[in-house]
Protein backbone atom coordinates (compact mmCIF):
# COMPACT_ATOMS: atom_id res chain seq x y z
CA MET A 1 -13.68 -37.15 30.56
CA GLY A 2 -13.24 -33.47 31.43
CA THR A 3 -15.83 -30.74 31.64
CA SER A 4 -16.08 -27.70 29.41
CA MET A 5 -14.30 -25.60 32.06
CA ASP A 6 -11.13 -27.73 32.19
CA TYR A 7 -8.12 -25.58 31.29
CA SER A 8 -6.39 -27.42 28.51
CA ARG A 9 -3.46 -25.05 28.17
CA ALA A 10 -1.85 -21.96 29.61
CA ILE A 11 -0.30 -19.47 27.22
CA ARG A 12 2.13 -16.68 28.12
CA VAL A 13 2.95 -13.86 25.69
CA THR A 14 5.32 -10.92 26.03
CA ALA A 15 4.67 -9.09 22.74
CA SER A 16 1.72 -8.41 20.47
CA GLY A 17 0.85 -11.31 18.21
CA VAL A 18 -1.16 -14.49 17.76
CA ALA A 19 -1.28 -16.45 21.00
CA LEU A 20 -3.17 -19.42 19.52
CA ASN A 21 -3.81 -19.76 15.80
CA ARG A 22 -7.06 -21.73 15.85
CA PRO A 23 -10.57 -21.39 17.29
CA THR A 24 -10.62 -21.62 21.08
CA SER A 25 -12.22 -20.21 24.22
CA VAL A 26 -10.46 -18.07 26.84
CA CYS A 27 -11.35 -18.87 30.46
CA ALA A 28 -9.01 -16.45 32.25
CA VAL A 29 -6.45 -13.73 31.61
CA THR A 30 -4.02 -11.73 33.74
CA GLY A 31 -0.99 -9.55 33.15
CA ARG A 32 2.10 -8.00 34.70
CA THR A 33 4.09 -4.93 33.74
CA GLY A 34 7.26 -3.27 34.90
CA THR A 35 7.67 0.50 35.15
CA THR A 36 4.83 1.75 32.93
CA ASP A 37 1.10 1.11 32.70
CA ALA A 38 -0.18 -1.06 29.88
CA VAL A 39 -3.39 -1.82 28.01
CA VAL A 40 -4.10 -5.29 26.64
CA LEU A 41 -6.67 -6.11 23.96
CA LEU A 42 -7.72 -9.65 23.07
CA ARG A 43 -8.78 -9.78 19.43
CA ASP A 44 -10.48 -12.44 17.34
CA GLY A 45 -9.03 -12.61 13.84
CA GLY A 46 -5.65 -10.92 14.02
CA ALA A 47 -4.35 -7.39 14.51
CA THR A 48 -7.47 -5.78 12.99
CA GLY A 49 -9.96 -8.31 14.36
CA ALA A 50 -12.83 -7.66 16.75
CA VAL A 51 -11.86 -6.73 20.31
CA MET A 52 -13.36 -9.41 22.54
CA TRP A 53 -11.94 -8.13 25.86
CA ASP A 54 -9.59 -5.41 27.04
CA PHE A 55 -8.04 -4.50 30.37
CA GLU A 56 -5.45 -2.23 31.97
CA ILE A 57 -2.38 -3.20 33.96
CA ASP A 58 -1.08 -0.66 36.48
CA SER A 59 2.68 -0.42 36.84
CA SER A 60 2.34 -0.45 40.62
CA ASP A 61 0.55 -3.81 40.62
CA SER A 62 -0.23 -6.73 38.35
CA SER A 63 -3.75 -6.99 37.00
CA PRO A 64 -6.26 -9.15 38.80
CA CYS A 65 -7.10 -12.46 37.20
CA HIS A 66 -10.14 -11.95 34.99
CA THR A 67 -12.16 -15.16 34.68
CA PHE A 68 -14.97 -15.82 32.21
CA ASN A 69 -17.85 -18.23 32.75
CA PRO A 70 -18.86 -19.04 30.13
CA PRO A 71 -15.49 -18.63 28.42
CA ILE A 72 -15.07 -16.03 25.67
CA ARG A 73 -15.27 -17.80 22.30
CA PHE A 74 -12.70 -16.85 19.64
CA TYR A 75 -13.84 -18.13 16.25
CA ASN A 76 -10.61 -17.52 14.29
CA ASN A 77 -7.63 -17.14 16.62
CA VAL A 78 -6.54 -15.29 19.76
CA TYR A 79 -4.50 -12.19 18.98
CA VAL A 80 -3.05 -10.34 21.98
CA GLU A 81 -2.36 -6.64 21.41
CA ILE A 82 -0.13 -5.09 24.07
CA GLN A 83 0.01 -1.30 24.28
CA CYS A 84 2.95 -0.34 26.49
CA PRO A 85 5.66 2.20 25.68
CA ALA A 86 8.32 0.35 27.67
CA GLY A 87 7.35 -3.03 26.23
CA ASN A 88 7.91 -4.93 29.45
CA VAL A 89 4.59 -6.79 29.75
CA ALA A 90 3.67 -10.44 30.22
CA VAL A 91 0.11 -11.65 29.61
CA SER A 92 -1.10 -15.11 30.62
CA LEU A 93 -4.19 -16.81 29.21
CA ALA A 94 -5.97 -19.99 30.21
CA VAL A 95 -7.78 -21.56 27.27
CA VAL A 96 -10.11 -24.46 26.63
CA GLU A 97 -9.61 -26.30 23.35
CA ASN A 98 -12.88 -26.52 21.41
């Protein structure tokens, strides 16, 4: 039997939208961008939901891996909002199924 910190799934998104449409916990997040900087917001409850975490990605480098212990709990779903004029961003999440 696994522990509460076992990653049960990795999710990669390249556009704003629901990454996982059920309650879950996020253990880690990172991102990459191409030629322009980007801002990423992780929301609970869709496009207008509460911002649970946000971070910037510099165009000159990918973002560091942000890890959370304990994981960030999302009670509704995980919505990833990507703010990048060029639209060339990839965000990766590690989640624990609850």
